[in-house]
Amino acid sequence: MLGIRSTGGNKMKLETIQIDNTVRSGLNSFTDGVIIRDTKVLITLNLPDGQKTTIEGEWRHMSDANRLSERITMLQHAIYEQYEEYRADIPVSWSR
């Protein structure tokens, strides 16, 4: 079943498709989504200078809606700060 599942308390766990959709919507054209490998979630990055890289996270962290949101925000800030010369292509909302 796809969707959010409750693990008790206030923690909400995301399913694979939701992790991918969340990453794609948060990083727009700067990602091709996620790759799931065993207990790892790899976020693909298409950086403004053409570099392609991945950020690795543990499934248990990346499936937590709050932690995933925090990581996406961190990546948005990092992209905005590191690529000043490409600011016309980067949303202003990604600044701190």
Protein backbone atom coordinates (compact mmCIF):
# COMPACT_ATOMS: atom_id res chain seq x y z
CA MET A 1 0.00 0.00 0.00
CA LEU A 2 1.29 3.44 -0.88
CA GLY A 3 0.81 6.38 1.41
CA ILE A 4 1.71 7.57 4.85
CA ARG A 5 1.63 5.07 7.65
CA SER A 6 1.57 5.80 11.33
CA THR A 7 4.20 4.22 13.51
CA GLY A 8 2.55 5.30 16.72
CA GLY A 9 2.90 8.61 18.47
CA ASN A 10 3.28 11.57 16.13
CA LYS A 11 5.79 10.00 13.73
CA MET A 12 4.57 9.57 10.19
CA LYS A 13 6.51 7.32 7.84
CA LEU A 14 6.52 7.91 4.10
CA GLU A 15 6.31 5.18 1.49
CA THR A 16 8.77 5.00 -1.42
CA ILE A 17 6.63 6.93 -3.92
CA GLN A 18 6.01 9.71 -1.40
CA ILE A 19 9.72 10.07 -0.68
CA ASP A 20 10.38 10.41 -4.42
CA ASN A 21 7.50 12.87 -4.94
CA THR A 22 8.58 14.96 -1.94
CA VAL A 23 12.17 15.17 -3.19
CA ARG A 24 11.08 16.00 -6.75
CA SER A 25 8.69 18.73 -5.61
CA GLY A 26 11.22 20.20 -3.16
CA LEU A 27 14.20 20.26 -5.51
CA ASN A 28 12.44 20.77 -8.87
CA SER A 29 14.80 20.49 -11.84
CA PHE A 30 17.77 20.03 -9.51
CA THR A 31 16.91 16.32 -9.02
CA ASP A 32 15.93 13.20 -10.92
CA GLY A 33 14.31 11.87 -7.74
CA VAL A 34 15.52 9.12 -5.46
CA ILE A 35 17.11 5.72 -5.81
CA ILE A 36 16.26 3.11 -3.19
CA ARG A 37 18.95 0.52 -2.38
CA ASP A 38 18.49 -1.89 0.51
CA THR A 39 18.30 0.36 3.58
CA LYS A 40 19.60 3.45 1.75
CA VAL A 41 17.82 6.30 0.00
CA LEU A 42 19.94 8.22 -2.50
CA ILE A 43 18.78 11.70 -3.53
CA THR A 44 20.07 12.52 -7.00
CA LEU A 45 21.22 16.09 -7.57
CA ASN A 46 21.58 17.95 -10.87
CA LEU A 47 23.59 20.96 -9.78
CA PRO A 48 23.50 24.26 -11.69
CA ASP A 49 27.07 23.81 -12.99
CA GLY A 50 26.15 20.49 -14.60
CA GLN A 51 27.64 18.31 -11.87
CA LYS A 52 25.59 15.26 -10.90
CA THR A 53 25.92 13.78 -7.45
CA THR A 54 23.91 11.89 -4.85
CA ILE A 55 23.23 12.42 -1.18
CA GLU A 56 22.83 9.21 0.80
CA GLY A 57 20.54 8.73 3.76
CA GLU A 58 19.28 5.85 5.85
CA TRP A 59 15.77 4.60 5.02
CA ARG A 60 14.66 5.07 8.64
CA HIS A 61 15.57 8.77 8.47
CA MET A 62 14.47 9.51 4.92
CA SER A 63 11.07 7.88 5.41
CA ASP A 64 10.41 10.23 8.35
CA ALA A 65 8.43 13.14 6.87
CA ASN A 66 9.97 15.76 9.17
CA ARG A 67 13.57 14.64 8.67
CA LEU A 68 13.15 14.42 4.90
CA SER A 69 11.71 17.93 4.84
CA GLU A 70 14.66 19.20 6.90
CA ARG A 71 17.15 17.57 4.51
CA ILE A 72 15.46 19.04 1.46
CA THR A 73 15.51 22.50 3.04
CA MET A 74 19.20 22.05 3.88
CA LEU A 75 19.94 21.08 0.26
CA GLN A 76 17.97 24.08 -1.05
CA HIS A 77 19.98 26.45 1.15
CA ALA A 78 23.27 24.82 0.13
CA ILE A 79 22.48 25.03 -3.59
CA TYR A 80 21.41 28.67 -3.27
CA GLU A 81 24.54 29.64 -1.32
CA GLN A 82 27.10 27.69 -3.37
CA TYR A 83 25.92 28.70 -6.83
CA GLU A 84 25.68 32.49 -6.76
CA GLU A 85 26.40 32.76 -10.47
CA TYR A 86 23.28 30.67 -11.21
CA ARG A 87 20.89 32.55 -8.93
CA ALA A 88 18.61 33.43 -11.85
CA ASP A 89 17.82 29.69 -12.09
CA ILE A 90 17.43 29.07 -8.35
CA PRO A 91 14.26 30.03 -6.45
CA VAL A 92 14.81 32.98 -4.08
CA SER A 93 12.81 31.08 -1.46
CA TRP A 94 15.82 28.76 -1.13
CA SER A 95 17.84 31.49 0.58
CA ARG A 96 18.13 31.44 4.35
